[in-house]
N, C-alpha and C. Protein backbone atom coordinates (compact mmCIF):
# COMPACT_ATOMS: atom_id res chain seq x y z
N UNK A 1 -34.11 160.50 13.62
CA UNK A 1 -33.87 159.58 14.71
C UNK A 1 -33.81 158.16 14.13
N UNK A 2 -33.35 157.24 14.92
CA UNK A 2 -33.21 155.89 14.40
C UNK A 2 -34.50 155.07 14.47
N UNK A 3 -35.50 155.57 15.18
CA UNK A 3 -36.73 154.79 15.29
C UNK A 3 -38.00 155.61 15.05
N UNK A 4 -37.85 156.86 14.63
CA UNK A 4 -39.02 157.66 14.31
C UNK A 4 -38.60 158.91 13.54
N UNK A 5 -39.58 159.58 12.99
CA UNK A 5 -39.34 160.77 12.17
C UNK A 5 -40.27 161.88 12.65
N UNK A 6 -39.75 163.09 12.70
CA UNK A 6 -40.58 164.25 12.98
C UNK A 6 -40.70 165.06 11.70
N UNK A 7 -41.90 165.48 11.39
CA UNK A 7 -42.14 166.31 10.21
C UNK A 7 -43.03 167.47 10.62
N UNK A 8 -42.63 168.67 10.27
CA UNK A 8 -43.45 169.85 10.50
C UNK A 8 -43.71 170.44 9.12
N UNK A 9 -44.95 170.45 8.73
CA UNK A 9 -45.32 170.93 7.40
C UNK A 9 -46.44 171.94 7.50
N UNK A 10 -46.45 172.86 6.57
CA UNK A 10 -47.55 173.83 6.59
C UNK A 10 -48.78 173.24 5.91
N UNK A 11 -49.91 173.83 6.18
CA UNK A 11 -51.14 173.36 5.56
C UNK A 11 -51.03 173.49 4.05
N UNK A 12 -51.65 172.54 3.36
CA UNK A 12 -51.68 172.59 1.91
C UNK A 12 -52.94 171.92 1.42
N UNK A 13 -53.06 171.70 0.14
CA UNK A 13 -54.30 171.16 -0.42
C UNK A 13 -54.47 169.66 -0.17
N UNK A 14 -53.42 168.98 0.31
CA UNK A 14 -53.48 167.55 0.52
C UNK A 14 -53.81 167.21 1.96
N UNK A 15 -54.57 166.14 2.15
CA UNK A 15 -54.84 165.65 3.50
C UNK A 15 -53.53 165.15 4.10
N UNK A 16 -53.36 165.28 5.39
CA UNK A 16 -52.12 164.89 6.05
C UNK A 16 -51.85 163.40 5.87
N UNK A 17 -52.88 162.59 5.80
CA UNK A 17 -52.69 161.15 5.59
C UNK A 17 -52.02 160.88 4.25
N UNK A 18 -52.39 161.66 3.23
CA UNK A 18 -51.76 161.52 1.92
C UNK A 18 -50.29 161.94 2.00
N UNK A 19 -50.02 163.04 2.68
CA UNK A 19 -48.65 163.56 2.78
C UNK A 19 -47.74 162.54 3.45
N UNK A 20 -48.12 162.04 4.61
CA UNK A 20 -47.23 161.10 5.28
C UNK A 20 -47.18 159.77 4.55
N UNK A 21 -48.24 159.40 3.87
CA UNK A 21 -48.20 158.18 3.06
C UNK A 21 -47.19 158.29 1.92
N UNK A 22 -47.16 159.44 1.27
CA UNK A 22 -46.19 159.67 0.20
C UNK A 22 -44.76 159.69 0.74
N UNK A 23 -44.56 160.32 1.88
CA UNK A 23 -43.23 160.37 2.47
C UNK A 23 -42.74 158.97 2.83
N UNK A 24 -43.60 158.16 3.42
CA UNK A 24 -43.23 156.79 3.77
C UNK A 24 -42.90 155.97 2.52
N UNK A 25 -43.73 156.09 1.50
CA UNK A 25 -43.52 155.33 0.26
C UNK A 25 -42.22 155.74 -0.41
N UNK A 26 -41.96 157.04 -0.50
CA UNK A 26 -40.73 157.51 -1.14
C UNK A 26 -39.50 157.10 -0.34
N UNK A 27 -39.57 157.19 0.98
CA UNK A 27 -38.43 156.79 1.81
C UNK A 27 -38.14 155.30 1.65
N UNK A 28 -39.17 154.49 1.62
CA UNK A 28 -39.00 153.04 1.44
C UNK A 28 -38.33 152.76 0.11
N UNK A 29 -38.80 153.43 -0.95
CA UNK A 29 -38.25 153.24 -2.29
C UNK A 29 -36.79 153.69 -2.33
N UNK A 30 -36.50 154.89 -1.78
CA UNK A 30 -35.14 155.42 -1.83
C UNK A 30 -34.16 154.60 -0.99
N UNK A 31 -34.65 153.96 0.05
CA UNK A 31 -33.81 153.08 0.85
C UNK A 31 -33.60 151.72 0.18
N UNK A 32 -34.34 151.47 -0.90
CA UNK A 32 -34.21 150.21 -1.63
C UNK A 32 -34.77 149.02 -0.89
N UNK A 33 -35.77 149.26 -0.06
CA UNK A 33 -36.34 148.18 0.75
C UNK A 33 -37.48 147.49 0.00
N UNK A 34 -37.58 146.17 0.13
CA UNK A 34 -38.66 145.45 -0.56
C UNK A 34 -40.03 145.66 0.08
N UNK A 35 -40.06 146.03 1.33
CA UNK A 35 -41.33 146.32 2.01
C UNK A 35 -41.12 147.46 2.99
N UNK A 36 -42.20 148.09 3.36
CA UNK A 36 -42.10 149.27 4.22
C UNK A 36 -41.71 148.91 5.66
N UNK A 37 -40.82 149.70 6.25
CA UNK A 37 -40.50 149.49 7.66
C UNK A 37 -41.39 150.34 8.58
N UNK A 38 -42.25 151.16 8.00
CA UNK A 38 -43.03 152.14 8.75
C UNK A 38 -44.27 151.52 9.37
N UNK A 39 -44.63 152.01 10.53
CA UNK A 39 -45.88 151.61 11.17
C UNK A 39 -47.05 152.16 10.37
N UNK A 40 -48.19 151.54 10.50
CA UNK A 40 -49.39 152.07 9.86
C UNK A 40 -49.82 153.33 10.59
N UNK A 41 -50.36 154.26 9.84
CA UNK A 41 -50.85 155.50 10.44
C UNK A 41 -49.71 156.38 10.90
N UNK A 42 -50.06 157.37 11.70
CA UNK A 42 -49.08 158.32 12.22
C UNK A 42 -49.71 159.08 13.37
N UNK A 43 -48.88 159.62 14.22
CA UNK A 43 -49.36 160.52 15.27
C UNK A 43 -49.28 161.91 14.69
N UNK A 44 -50.40 162.58 14.64
CA UNK A 44 -50.42 163.91 14.03
C UNK A 44 -51.10 164.91 14.95
N UNK A 45 -50.55 166.12 14.94
CA UNK A 45 -51.07 167.20 15.75
C UNK A 45 -51.17 168.42 14.84
N UNK A 46 -52.27 169.12 14.91
CA UNK A 46 -52.46 170.33 14.11
C UNK A 46 -52.22 171.54 15.01
N UNK A 47 -51.27 172.36 14.61
CA UNK A 47 -50.87 173.52 15.40
C UNK A 47 -51.53 174.77 14.83
N UNK A 48 -52.06 175.60 15.71
CA UNK A 48 -52.84 176.74 15.25
C UNK A 48 -52.21 178.10 15.51
N UNK A 49 -51.21 178.18 16.37
CA UNK A 49 -50.66 179.52 16.67
C UNK A 49 -49.15 179.52 16.54
N UNK A 50 -48.59 180.72 16.39
CA UNK A 50 -47.16 180.89 16.17
C UNK A 50 -46.32 180.26 17.26
N UNK A 51 -46.74 180.41 18.49
CA UNK A 51 -45.96 179.89 19.61
C UNK A 51 -45.89 178.36 19.56
N UNK A 52 -46.99 177.71 19.25
CA UNK A 52 -47.01 176.25 19.17
C UNK A 52 -46.16 175.75 18.01
N UNK A 53 -46.21 176.44 16.88
CA UNK A 53 -45.41 176.06 15.71
C UNK A 53 -43.93 176.24 16.02
N UNK A 54 -43.57 177.38 16.59
CA UNK A 54 -42.17 177.64 16.94
C UNK A 54 -41.67 176.63 17.96
N UNK A 55 -42.50 176.28 18.92
CA UNK A 55 -42.12 175.30 19.94
C UNK A 55 -41.90 173.92 19.30
N UNK A 56 -42.76 173.53 18.39
CA UNK A 56 -42.62 172.24 17.70
C UNK A 56 -41.34 172.22 16.86
N UNK A 57 -41.06 173.31 16.16
CA UNK A 57 -39.84 173.38 15.35
C UNK A 57 -38.60 173.25 16.23
N UNK A 58 -38.62 173.93 17.36
CA UNK A 58 -37.48 173.86 18.29
C UNK A 58 -37.32 172.44 18.83
N UNK A 59 -38.41 171.81 19.19
CA UNK A 59 -38.37 170.43 19.69
C UNK A 59 -37.75 169.50 18.65
N UNK A 60 -38.17 169.65 17.40
CA UNK A 60 -37.66 168.80 16.33
C UNK A 60 -36.17 169.04 16.13
N UNK A 61 -35.74 170.29 16.15
CA UNK A 61 -34.33 170.61 15.98
C UNK A 61 -33.48 170.05 17.13
N UNK A 62 -34.01 170.08 18.33
CA UNK A 62 -33.24 169.65 19.51
C UNK A 62 -33.30 168.15 19.75
N UNK A 63 -34.25 167.45 19.17
CA UNK A 63 -34.46 166.03 19.45
C UNK A 63 -33.20 165.18 19.25
N UNK A 64 -32.48 165.29 18.12
CA UNK A 64 -31.27 164.47 17.99
C UNK A 64 -30.17 164.88 18.97
N UNK A 65 -30.09 166.15 19.28
CA UNK A 65 -29.06 166.63 20.22
C UNK A 65 -29.32 166.04 21.61
N UNK A 66 -30.59 166.04 22.03
CA UNK A 66 -30.94 165.45 23.32
C UNK A 66 -30.63 163.96 23.37
N UNK A 67 -30.65 163.31 22.19
CA UNK A 67 -30.34 161.87 22.11
C UNK A 67 -28.84 161.62 22.01
N UNK A 68 -28.04 162.71 22.02
CA UNK A 68 -26.60 162.56 21.96
C UNK A 68 -26.05 162.53 20.55
N UNK A 69 -26.85 162.90 19.58
CA UNK A 69 -26.41 162.92 18.18
C UNK A 69 -26.06 164.34 17.77
N UNK A 70 -25.45 164.46 16.61
CA UNK A 70 -25.16 165.76 16.04
C UNK A 70 -26.45 166.39 15.52
N UNK A 71 -26.50 167.72 15.43
CA UNK A 71 -27.67 168.36 14.79
C UNK A 71 -27.83 167.81 13.37
N UNK A 72 -29.06 167.69 12.93
CA UNK A 72 -29.32 167.14 11.61
C UNK A 72 -29.72 168.25 10.65
N UNK A 73 -29.07 168.26 9.50
CA UNK A 73 -29.38 169.22 8.44
C UNK A 73 -29.48 168.44 7.13
N UNK A 74 -30.57 168.65 6.42
CA UNK A 74 -30.82 167.91 5.18
C UNK A 74 -31.09 168.90 4.05
N UNK A 75 -30.59 168.58 2.86
CA UNK A 75 -30.78 169.45 1.70
C UNK A 75 -32.25 169.69 1.37
N UNK A 76 -33.10 168.71 1.64
CA UNK A 76 -34.51 168.81 1.27
C UNK A 76 -35.37 169.47 2.35
N UNK A 77 -34.75 169.89 3.44
CA UNK A 77 -35.48 170.53 4.54
C UNK A 77 -35.25 172.03 4.48
N UNK A 78 -36.33 172.78 4.52
CA UNK A 78 -36.26 174.23 4.58
C UNK A 78 -36.44 174.65 6.03
N UNK A 79 -35.43 175.27 6.62
CA UNK A 79 -35.60 175.72 8.02
C UNK A 79 -36.79 176.67 8.17
N UNK A 80 -37.41 176.60 9.30
CA UNK A 80 -38.56 177.46 9.59
C UNK A 80 -38.10 178.89 9.73
N UNK A 81 -38.76 179.78 9.00
CA UNK A 81 -38.52 181.21 9.16
C UNK A 81 -39.63 181.71 10.08
N UNK A 82 -39.28 182.02 11.31
CA UNK A 82 -40.27 182.38 12.30
C UNK A 82 -41.06 183.63 11.89
N UNK A 83 -40.48 184.47 11.05
CA UNK A 83 -41.17 185.67 10.58
C UNK A 83 -42.29 185.34 9.60
N UNK A 84 -42.22 184.14 8.98
CA UNK A 84 -43.20 183.78 7.97
C UNK A 84 -44.39 183.02 8.54
N UNK A 85 -44.38 182.71 9.82
CA UNK A 85 -45.50 181.98 10.41
C UNK A 85 -46.71 182.91 10.41
N UNK A 86 -47.79 182.42 9.81
CA UNK A 86 -49.01 183.26 9.72
C UNK A 86 -49.79 183.24 11.00
């Protein structure tokens, strides 16, 4: 989106604050910006069941379409395989 980002990631060894901090820093660097455009912190929700994860993935996929944009597909994004949700 033009004013926010949705990220759905599986649990890993890193705290979520570290993960989104790294994503913000890398995006700022790759955009060639002298300072970060990102707000401090992030809104984060921890999903515990398959239905909630699938619903979040669907929401993220549909968000640009609802805004009148084309579906977004990125080389660095792995689509959610609903069969792999634990």
